[in-house]
Amino acid sequence: MWLRFFDSAGNLILLPEAAEQQAEQEQQRTKQERERANRLAARLRELGEDPSIL
C-alpha cells in the first residue's frame, strides 16, 4: 500500500527522493541537449554558416 500526497489543485507532490531523482534527470537531459546544440553549431560553421543568425 502506498500513500500519495496531492496539493489543493490535485497535483502529485513528489517525495524528496523522487524530486531529487527527477531534478538529476532534468540536469542530464539539459546537458545532453546543450552538447547536441554545440555539435550542430560546429557542423554549421564547418559548412560555412553562422548559427547565431539562423
PDB file of N, CA and C in Angstrom:
ATOM      1  N   MET A   1       0.845  -1.162   0.000  1.00  0.00           N
ATOM      2  CA  MET A   1       0.000   0.000   0.000  1.00  0.00           C
ATOM      3  C   MET A   1       0.907   1.247   0.000  1.00  0.00           C
ATOM      4  N   TRP A   2       0.544   2.248  -0.801  1.00  0.00           N
ATOM      5  CA  TRP A   2       1.321   3.471  -0.916  1.00  0.00           C
ATOM      6  C   TRP A   2       0.479   4.661  -0.520  1.00  0.00           C
ATOM      7  N   LEU A   3       1.104   5.612   0.127  1.00  0.00           N
ATOM      8  CA  LEU A   3       0.446   6.854   0.489  1.00  0.00           C
ATOM      9  C   LEU A   3       0.975   7.930  -0.449  1.00  0.00           C
ATOM     10  N   ARG A   4       0.065   8.649  -1.119  1.00  0.00           N
ATOM     11  CA  ARG A   4       0.469   9.699  -2.042  1.00  0.00           C
ATOM     12  C   ARG A   4      -0.130  11.012  -1.586  1.00  0.00           C
ATOM     13  N   PHE A   5       0.619  12.091  -1.776  1.00  0.00           N
ATOM     14  CA  PHE A   5       0.167  13.412  -1.367  1.00  0.00           C
ATOM     15  C   PHE A   5      -0.104  14.265  -2.592  1.00  0.00           C
ATOM     16  N   PHE A   6      -1.185  15.043  -2.511  1.00  0.00           N
ATOM     17  CA  PHE A   6      -1.581  15.935  -3.592  1.00  0.00           C
ATOM     18  C   PHE A   6      -1.816  17.329  -3.014  1.00  0.00           C
ATOM     19  N   ASP A   7      -1.546  18.344  -3.851  1.00  0.00           N
ATOM     20  CA  ASP A   7      -1.838  19.708  -3.397  1.00  0.00           C
ATOM     21  C   ASP A   7      -3.304  20.028  -3.664  1.00  0.00           C
ATOM     22  N   SER A   8      -3.711  21.237  -3.330  1.00  0.00           N
ATOM     23  CA  SER A   8      -5.125  21.598  -3.461  1.00  0.00           C
ATOM     24  C   SER A   8      -5.595  21.633  -4.916  1.00  0.00           C
ATOM     25  N   ALA A   9      -4.655  21.735  -5.863  1.00  0.00           N
ATOM     26  CA  ALA A   9      -5.019  21.732  -7.284  1.00  0.00           C
ATOM     27  C   ALA A   9      -5.044  20.315  -7.858  1.00  0.00           C
ATOM     28  N   GLY A  10      -4.715  19.323  -7.029  1.00  0.00           N
ATOM     29  CA  GLY A  10      -4.739  17.944  -7.489  1.00  0.00           C
ATOM     30  C   GLY A  10      -3.429  17.461  -8.069  1.00  0.00           C
ATOM     31  N   ASN A  11      -2.358  18.252  -7.942  1.00  0.00           N
ATOM     32  CA  ASN A  11      -1.043  17.847  -8.447  1.00  0.00           C
ATOM     33  C   ASN A  11      -0.334  16.958  -7.437  1.00  0.00           C
ATOM     34  N   LEU A  12       0.294  15.909  -7.929  1.00  0.00           N
ATOM     35  CA  LEU A  12       1.038  14.995  -7.085  1.00  0.00           C
ATOM     36  C   LEU A  12       2.244  15.711  -6.493  1.00  0.00           C
ATOM     37  N   ILE A  13       2.448  15.563  -5.202  1.00  0.00           N
ATOM     38  CA  ILE A  13       3.621  16.122  -4.533  1.00  0.00           C
ATOM     39  C   ILE A  13       4.636  14.995  -4.428  1.00  0.00           C
ATOM     40  N   LEU A  14       5.806  15.201  -5.031  1.00  0.00           N
ATOM     41  CA  LEU A  14       6.833  14.177  -5.026  1.00  0.00           C
ATOM     42  C   LEU A  14       7.520  14.098  -3.666  1.00  0.00           C
ATOM     43  N   LEU A  15       7.884  12.888  -3.294  1.00  0.00           N
ATOM     44  CA  LEU A  15       8.693  12.719  -2.101  1.00  0.00           C
ATOM     45  C   LEU A  15      10.079  13.280  -2.388  1.00  0.00           C
ATOM     46  N   PRO A  16      10.822  13.684  -1.368  1.00  0.00           N
ATOM     47  CA  PRO A  16      12.134  14.291  -1.603  1.00  0.00           C
ATOM     48  C   PRO A  16      13.060  13.433  -2.474  1.00  0.00           C
ATOM     49  N   GLU A  17      13.041  12.126  -2.280  1.00  0.00           N
ATOM     50  CA  GLU A  17      13.902  11.243  -3.075  1.00  0.00           C
ATOM     51  C   GLU A  17      13.505  11.278  -4.549  1.00  0.00           C
ATOM     52  N   ALA A  18      12.219  11.247  -4.794  1.00  0.00           N
ATOM     53  CA  ALA A  18      11.735  11.264  -6.175  1.00  0.00           C
ATOM     54  C   ALA A  18      11.993  12.622  -6.817  1.00  0.00           C
ATOM     55  N   ALA A  19      11.836  13.691  -6.062  1.00  0.00           N
ATOM     56  CA  ALA A  19      12.088  15.030  -6.586  1.00  0.00           C
ATOM     57  C   ALA A  19      13.558  15.193  -6.933  1.00  0.00           C
ATOM     58  N   GLU A  20      14.440  14.661  -6.086  1.00  0.00           N
ATOM     59  CA  GLU A  20      15.880  14.734  -6.345  1.00  0.00           C
ATOM     60  C   GLU A  20      16.242  13.945  -7.597  1.00  0.00           C
ATOM     61  N   GLN A  21      15.677  12.768  -7.740  1.00  0.00           N
ATOM     62  CA  GLN A  21      15.938  11.950  -8.917  1.00  0.00           C
ATOM     63  C   GLN A  21      15.438  12.649 -10.180  1.00  0.00           C
ATOM     64  N   GLN A  22      14.280  13.248 -10.108  1.00  0.00           N
ATOM     65  CA  GLN A  22      13.724  13.956 -11.255  1.00  0.00           C
ATOM     66  C   GLN A  22      14.613  15.148 -11.627  1.00  0.00           C
ATOM     67  N   ALA A  23      15.120  15.863 -10.640  1.00  0.00           N
ATOM     68  CA  ALA A  23      15.996  17.004 -10.899  1.00  0.00           C
ATOM     69  C   ALA A  23      17.294  16.552 -11.564  1.00  0.00           C
ATOM     70  N   GLU A  24      17.844  15.436 -11.118  1.00  0.00           N
ATOM     71  CA  GLU A  24      19.059  14.900 -11.722  1.00  0.00           C
ATOM     72  C   GLU A  24      18.820  14.507 -13.177  1.00  0.00           C
ATOM     73  N   GLN A  25      17.678  13.905 -13.453  1.00  0.00           N
ATOM     74  CA  GLN A  25      17.346  13.523 -14.821  1.00  0.00           C
ATOM     75  C   GLN A  25      17.211  14.752 -15.707  1.00  0.00           C
ATOM     76  N   GLU A  26      16.593  15.799 -15.187  1.00  0.00           N
ATOM     77  CA  GLU A  26      16.443  17.036 -15.953  1.00  0.00           C
ATOM     78  C   GLU A  26      17.799  17.676 -16.234  1.00  0.00           C
ATOM     79  N   GLN A  27      18.702  17.644 -15.249  1.00  0.00           N
ATOM     80  CA  GLN A  27      20.039  18.195 -15.450  1.00  0.00           C
ATOM     81  C   GLN A  27      20.789  17.416 -16.528  1.00  0.00           C
ATOM     82  N   GLN A  28      20.665  16.102 -16.503  1.00  0.00           N
ATOM     83  CA  GLN A  28      21.319  15.258 -17.510  1.00  0.00           C
ATOM     84  C   GLN A  28      20.746  15.546 -18.891  1.00  0.00           C
ATOM     85  N   ARG A  29      19.427  15.674 -18.979  1.00  0.00           N
ATOM     86  CA  ARG A  29      18.780  15.957 -20.256  1.00  0.00           C
ATOM     87  C   ARG A  29      19.212  17.328 -20.784  1.00  0.00           C
ATOM     88  N   THR A  30      19.314  18.310 -19.894  1.00  0.00           N
ATOM     89  CA  THR A  30      19.761  19.644 -20.287  1.00  0.00           C
ATOM     90  C   THR A  30      21.188  19.600 -20.811  1.00  0.00           C
ATOM     91  N   LYS A  31      22.043  18.863 -20.126  1.00  0.00           N
ATOM     92  CA  LYS A  31      23.444  18.726 -20.552  1.00  0.00           C
ATOM     93  C   LYS A  31      23.522  18.083 -21.937  1.00  0.00           C
ATOM     94  N   GLN A  32      22.747  17.036 -22.165  1.00  0.00           N
ATOM     95  CA  GLN A  32      22.746  16.352 -23.457  1.00  0.00           C
ATOM     96  C   GLN A  32      22.263  17.281 -24.567  1.00  0.00           C
ATOM     97  N   GLU A  33      21.223  18.051 -24.295  1.00  0.00           N
ATOM     98  CA  GLU A  33      20.702  18.973 -25.309  1.00  0.00           C
ATOM     99  C   GLU A  33      21.702  20.084 -25.619  1.00  0.00           C
ATOM    100  N   ARG A  34      22.399  20.565 -24.594  1.00  0.00           N
ATOM    101  CA  ARG A  34      23.421  21.604 -24.805  1.00  0.00           C
ATOM    102  C   ARG A  34      24.561  21.058 -25.670  1.00  0.00           C
ATOM    103  N   GLU A  35      25.003  19.824 -25.375  1.00  0.00           N
ATOM    104  CA  GLU A  35      26.061  19.192 -26.163  1.00  0.00           C
ATOM    105  C   GLU A  35      25.614  18.993 -27.608  1.00  0.00           C
ATOM    106  N   ARG A  36      24.370  18.585 -27.789  1.00  0.00           N
ATOM    107  CA  ARG A  36      23.833  18.390 -29.139  1.00  0.00           C
ATOM    108  C   ARG A  36      23.804  19.715 -29.900  1.00  0.00           C
ATOM    109  N   ALA A  37      23.353  20.772 -29.234  1.00  0.00           N
ATOM    110  CA  ALA A  37      23.301  22.090 -29.869  1.00  0.00           C
ATOM    111  C   ALA A  37      24.701  22.556 -30.254  1.00  0.00           C
ATOM    112  N   ASN A  38      25.678  22.312 -29.384  1.00  0.00           N
ATOM    113  CA  ASN A  38      27.052  22.694 -29.694  1.00  0.00           C
ATOM    114  C   ASN A  38      27.593  21.924 -30.892  1.00  0.00           C
ATOM    115  N   ARG A  39      27.277  20.626 -30.972  1.00  0.00           N
ATOM    116  CA  ARG A  39      27.731  19.827 -32.131  1.00  0.00           C
ATOM    117  C   ARG A  39      27.093  20.331 -33.423  1.00  0.00           C
ATOM    118  N   LEU A  40      25.804  20.644 -33.364  1.00  0.00           N
ATOM    119  CA  LEU A  40      25.112  21.146 -34.554  1.00  0.00           C
ATOM    120  C   LEU A  40      25.666  22.502 -34.981  1.00  0.00           C
ATOM    121  N   ALA A  41      25.956  23.369 -34.014  1.00  0.00           N
ATOM    122  CA  ALA A  41      26.525  24.679 -34.333  1.00  0.00           C
ATOM    123  C   ALA A  41      27.905  24.518 -34.963  1.00  0.00           C
ATOM    124  N   ALA A  42      28.698  23.599 -34.439  1.00  0.00           N
ATOM    125  CA  ALA A  42      30.028  23.356 -35.006  1.00  0.00           C
ATOM    126  C   ALA A  42      29.901  22.847 -36.439  1.00  0.00           C
ATOM    127  N   ARG A  43      28.944  21.980 -36.671  1.00  0.00           N
ATOM    128  CA  ARG A  43      28.739  21.431 -38.025  1.00  0.00           C
ATOM    129  C   ARG A  43      28.312  22.543 -38.991  1.00  0.00           C
ATOM    130  N   LEU A  44      27.439  23.421 -38.539  1.00  0.00           N
ATOM    131  CA  LEU A  44      27.032  24.547 -39.384  1.00  0.00           C
ATOM    132  C   LEU A  44      28.225  25.437 -39.718  1.00  0.00           C
ATOM    133  N   ARG A  45      29.088  25.693 -38.734  1.00  0.00           N
ATOM    134  CA  ARG A  45      30.276  26.506 -39.003  1.00  0.00           C
ATOM    135  C   ARG A  45      31.186  25.827 -40.021  1.00  0.00           C
ATOM    136  N   GLU A  46      31.302  24.483 -39.946  1.00  0.00           N
ATOM    137  CA  GLU A  46      32.089  23.734 -40.923  1.00  0.00           C
ATOM    138  C   GLU A  46      31.536  23.916 -42.334  1.00  0.00           C
ATOM    139  N   LEU A  47      30.230  24.056 -42.411  1.00  0.00           N
ATOM    140  CA  LEU A  47      29.572  24.219 -43.711  1.00  0.00           C
ATOM    141  C   LEU A  47      29.528  25.688 -44.164  1.00  0.00           C
ATOM    142  N   GLY A  48      30.140  26.566 -43.370  1.00  0.00           N
ATOM    143  CA  GLY A  48      30.220  27.967 -43.742  1.00  0.00           C
ATOM    144  C   GLY A  48      29.028  28.807 -43.324  1.00  0.00           C
ATOM    145  N   GLU A  49      28.211  28.293 -42.437  1.00  0.00           N
ATOM    146  CA  GLU A  49      27.036  29.044 -41.972  1.00  0.00           C
ATOM    147  C   GLU A  49      27.296  29.558 -40.574  1.00  0.00           C
ATOM    148  N   ASP A  50      26.741  30.715 -40.259  1.00  0.00           N
ATOM    149  CA  ASP A  50      26.855  31.269 -38.928  1.00  0.00           C
ATOM    150  C   ASP A  50      25.583  30.893 -38.154  1.00  0.00           C
ATOM    151  N   PRO A  51      25.695  29.971 -37.178  1.00  0.00           N
ATOM    152  CA  PRO A  51      24.486  29.519 -36.469  1.00  0.00           C
ATOM    153  C   PRO A  51      23.830  30.609 -35.624  1.00  0.00           C
ATOM    154  N   SER A  52      24.531  31.689 -35.339  1.00  0.00           N
ATOM    155  CA  SER A  52      23.929  32.723 -34.495  1.00  0.00           C
ATOM    156  C   SER A  52      22.917  33.580 -35.259  1.00  0.00           C
ATOM    157  N   ILE A  53      22.915  33.512 -36.594  1.00  0.00           N
ATOM    158  CA  ILE A  53      21.956  34.326 -37.344  1.00  0.00           C
ATOM    159  C   ILE A  53      20.826  33.494 -37.947  1.00  0.00           C
ATOM    160  N   LEU A  54      20.797  32.211 -37.661  1.00  0.00           N
ATOM    161  CA  LEU A  54      19.732  31.359 -38.210  1.00  0.00           C
ATOM    162  C   LEU A  54      18.499  31.399 -37.388  1.00  0.00           C
TER     163      LEU A  54
END
